[in-house]
Each structure stands twice: as C-alpha cells, then as structure tokens.
Protein backbone atom coordinates (compact mmCIF):
# COMPACT_ATOMS: atom_id res chain seq x y z
CA MET A 1 24.67 -22.92 0.30
CA SER A 2 22.43 -20.65 2.43
CA ILE A 3 24.71 -17.65 1.45
CA LEU A 4 24.45 -18.89 -2.28
CA ILE A 5 20.39 -18.88 -2.18
CA GLN A 6 20.29 -15.63 -0.57
CA THR A 7 22.91 -14.08 -2.96
CA ILE A 8 20.88 -15.22 -5.99
CA PHE A 9 17.38 -14.64 -4.70
CA GLY A 10 17.83 -11.99 -2.16
CA TRP A 11 18.65 -8.68 -1.73
CA PRO A 12 22.09 -8.46 -3.48
CA ALA A 13 20.52 -9.64 -6.53
CA ILE A 14 17.60 -7.32 -6.52
CA ILE A 15 20.04 -3.94 -5.87
CA LEU A 16 22.52 -5.34 -8.30
CA SER A 17 19.76 -5.55 -10.94
CA LEU A 18 18.69 -1.94 -10.08
CA VAL A 19 21.87 -0.51 -10.39
CA VAL A 20 23.07 -2.55 -13.36
CA SER A 21 19.95 -1.40 -14.99
CA ILE A 22 20.23 2.37 -13.78
CA ALA A 23 24.12 2.44 -15.34
CA GLY A 24 22.67 1.08 -18.47
CA ILE A 25 20.38 4.01 -18.95
CA LEU A 26 22.58 6.51 -17.92
CA LYS A 27 25.77 4.86 -20.23
CA LYS A 28 22.88 4.33 -23.00
CA TRP A 29 24.03 0.48 -23.28
CA PRO A 30 21.24 -1.59 -23.65
CA TRP A 31 23.18 -4.88 -23.05
CA MET A 32 23.12 -3.58 -19.41
CA LEU A 33 19.57 -3.51 -18.99
CA VAL A 34 19.19 -7.19 -20.60
CA LEU A 35 21.46 -8.21 -17.97
CA GLY A 36 19.77 -6.35 -15.34
CA GLY A 37 16.47 -8.35 -16.50
CA VAL A 38 18.42 -11.62 -16.46
CA LEU A 39 19.52 -10.75 -12.81
CA CYS A 40 16.14 -9.97 -11.74
CA VAL A 41 14.51 -13.14 -12.73
CA PRO A 42 15.27 -15.19 -9.51
CA PHE A 43 13.66 -12.35 -7.74
CA THR A 44 10.50 -12.76 -9.82
CA VAL A 45 10.39 -16.33 -9.39
CA TYR A 46 10.49 -15.49 -5.57
CA LEU A 47 7.68 -13.03 -6.34
CA PHE A 48 5.69 -15.45 -7.94
CA GLY A 49 4.89 -17.08 -4.92
CA PHE A 50 3.09 -14.31 -3.53
CA THR A 51 -0.69 -14.46 -4.31
CA TYR A 52 -1.10 -10.59 -4.92
CA LEU A 53 2.21 -9.92 -7.02
CA HIS A 54 2.78 -13.06 -8.86
CA PHE A 55 1.50 -11.80 -12.37
CA PHE A 56 3.20 -8.58 -12.09
CA GLY A 57 6.24 -10.13 -10.74
CA PHE A 58 6.43 -12.33 -13.84
CA LEU A 59 6.52 -9.18 -15.87
CA LEU A 60 9.55 -7.15 -14.09
CA PRO A 61 12.41 -8.52 -16.19
CA PHE A 62 9.87 -7.77 -19.33
CA PHE A 63 9.91 -4.21 -18.32
CA GLN A 64 13.59 -3.89 -18.21
CA PHE A 65 14.03 -5.59 -21.54
CA GLY A 66 11.58 -3.21 -23.13
CA ALA A 67 13.80 -0.25 -21.28
CA ALA A 68 16.73 -1.89 -23.25
CA TRP A 69 14.68 -1.62 -26.60
CA ALA A 70 13.95 2.22 -25.58
CA VAL A 71 17.65 3.16 -24.87
CA HIS A 72 18.52 1.29 -27.97
CA ALA A 73 15.80 3.23 -29.77
CA LYS A 74 17.34 6.64 -28.05
CA ARG A 75 14.03 6.97 -26.15
CA LYS A 76 15.84 7.65 -22.46
CA THR A 77 12.52 9.10 -20.83
CA VAL A 78 10.54 5.80 -21.88
CA ALA A 79 13.37 3.47 -20.58
CA TRP A 80 13.11 5.56 -17.03
CA VAL A 81 9.51 5.11 -16.97
CA LEU A 82 9.54 1.12 -17.67
CA LEU A 83 12.08 1.05 -14.71
CA LEU A 84 9.54 2.50 -12.39
CA PRO A 85 7.53 -0.79 -11.86
CA LEU A 86 10.63 -2.67 -10.68
CA THR A 87 11.84 0.55 -8.47
CA LEU A 88 8.39 0.68 -6.74
CA ILE A 89 8.22 -3.18 -6.21
CA ILE A 90 11.69 -3.12 -4.65
CA ALA A 91 10.55 0.07 -2.34
CA ILE A 92 7.34 -1.70 -1.45
CA LEU A 93 9.40 -4.92 -0.50
CA ALA A 94 11.93 -3.08 1.36
CA PHE A 95 9.08 -1.11 3.44
CA LEU A 96 7.45 -4.53 4.37
CA VAL A 97 10.63 -6.10 5.29
CA LEU A 98 11.73 -3.17 7.50
CA ALA A 99 8.47 -2.59 9.01
CA ASN A 100 8.11 -6.14 9.76
CA ASN A 101 11.47 -6.17 11.56
CA THR A 102 10.59 -3.51 14.00
C-alpha cells in the first residue's frame, strides 16, 4: 500500500506529469497536457498542506490545462510559459528534498 501511495503522490507522478506535458507540447497534442494536468492533481493535493504553497499548488493543474488550450490555439510559446510554474515548483521541491538529505 505504501508503494502505491508513493507512486501516486510522489516523484514518479510528478516527473511523469512533467514529461507527459513536455511531450504534449512537442508533439502538439493538447490531450497529453490535459493528461499531465490530471496526473498533477494528487501532487497538488499534497502541496495543499504547505502553508506557503497551498493556493499556488492548487493552480498548477490549471496552468497545464491552459497550456493545452495554447497548444490547441497553436501558441506554443504561451504553452511553454504556462508550463514554467510547474517546472519551478518541482525544481524548488527537489532542491529542498536533496538539501535536507545531506
């Protein structure tokens, strides 16, 4: 049961969400960005527990849904910009986890 929870809420889901979203922009498939947003929802539920990130964490899937709209509207640059908040939150969280382990 612990492995399932770690897979849904942990790094595998976070990385998979980002990879699926990047592939969706590169292939120009909006449905992949929607799938990436859905995969990101459990991670945002986890972020909702942090006092500083709870509101921003709630918005992360909506940035991916907005990127799906941008890909559909053939605005690839806007899609990349809308994917930046997720990438930055993942990078910050990875830094915090790695800094805490040393």
